[in-house]
């Protein structure tokens, strides 16, 4: 496993926003989403919950 996935996950949690985290990390949002799915498969659990509403998306740790 690429240890940068952990760093990127921490950045995602700190920002609470997939697009903003991807911009900070200089990667695309789909690439960050793919890394998150890889980590979830590795741990066998959902790591975050994405709630979409009128005010945009909200990330919550599970």
Protein backbone atom coordinates (compact mmCIF):
# COMPACT_ATOMS: atom_id res chain seq x y z
CA UNK A 1 0.00 0.00 0.00
CA UNK A 2 1.13 3.50 -0.78
CA UNK A 3 1.50 5.34 2.53
CA UNK A 4 0.50 8.60 0.84
CA UNK A 5 -3.07 7.25 0.93
CA UNK A 6 -3.04 7.71 4.73
CA UNK A 7 -1.74 11.26 4.41
CA UNK A 8 -4.38 12.03 1.80
CA UNK A 9 -7.11 10.56 4.00
CA UNK A 10 -6.01 12.77 6.91
CA UNK A 11 -6.13 15.82 4.63
CA UNK A 12 -9.62 14.80 3.53
CA UNK A 13 -10.78 14.53 7.15
CA UNK A 14 -9.18 17.86 8.08
CA UNK A 15 -10.81 19.74 5.23
CA UNK A 16 -14.12 17.88 5.32
CA UNK A 17 -14.39 18.41 1.58
CA UNK A 18 -13.31 16.01 -1.18
CA UNK A 19 -12.71 18.72 -3.80
CA UNK A 20 -10.79 21.00 -1.46
CA UNK A 21 -8.61 18.13 -0.22
CA UNK A 22 -7.83 17.08 -3.79
CA UNK A 23 -6.80 20.64 -4.66
CA UNK A 24 -4.51 20.84 -1.62
CA UNK A 25 -2.97 17.48 -2.51
CA UNK A 26 -2.59 18.40 -6.21
CA UNK A 27 -4.52 15.34 -7.37
CA UNK A 28 -7.89 14.97 -9.04
CA UNK A 29 -11.05 14.41 -7.02
CA UNK A 30 -11.69 11.04 -8.72
CA UNK A 31 -8.15 9.91 -7.78
CA UNK A 32 -8.76 10.84 -4.14
CA UNK A 33 -12.11 9.06 -4.20
CA UNK A 34 -10.41 5.94 -5.60
CA UNK A 35 -7.83 6.06 -2.80
CA UNK A 36 -10.62 6.31 -0.23
CA UNK A 37 -12.36 3.28 -1.72
CA UNK A 38 -9.05 1.38 -1.59
CA UNK A 39 -8.59 2.21 2.11
CA UNK A 40 -12.19 1.20 2.85
CA UNK A 41 -11.60 -2.14 1.10
CA UNK A 42 -8.32 -2.60 2.98
CA UNK A 43 -9.99 -2.04 6.36
CA UNK A 44 -13.25 -3.71 5.40
CA UNK A 45 -15.31 -0.77 6.63
CA UNK A 46 -16.75 2.51 5.46
CA UNK A 47 -14.45 5.28 6.71
CA UNK A 48 -16.55 8.34 5.97
CA UNK A 49 -20.18 9.14 5.30
CA UNK A 50 -20.92 11.74 2.64
CA UNK A 51 -24.17 13.61 3.19
CA UNK A 52 -25.36 15.77 0.33
CA UNK A 53 -27.80 18.55 1.04
CA UNK A 54 -28.87 21.99 -0.06
CA UNK A 55 -25.70 23.52 1.33
CA UNK A 56 -23.33 21.10 -0.40
CA UNK A 57 -21.66 17.95 0.85
CA UNK A 58 -20.71 17.14 4.42
CA UNK A 59 -18.19 14.45 5.36
CA UNK A 60 -18.55 12.54 8.61
CA UNK A 61 -16.22 9.90 10.00
CA UNK A 62 -17.93 6.57 10.58
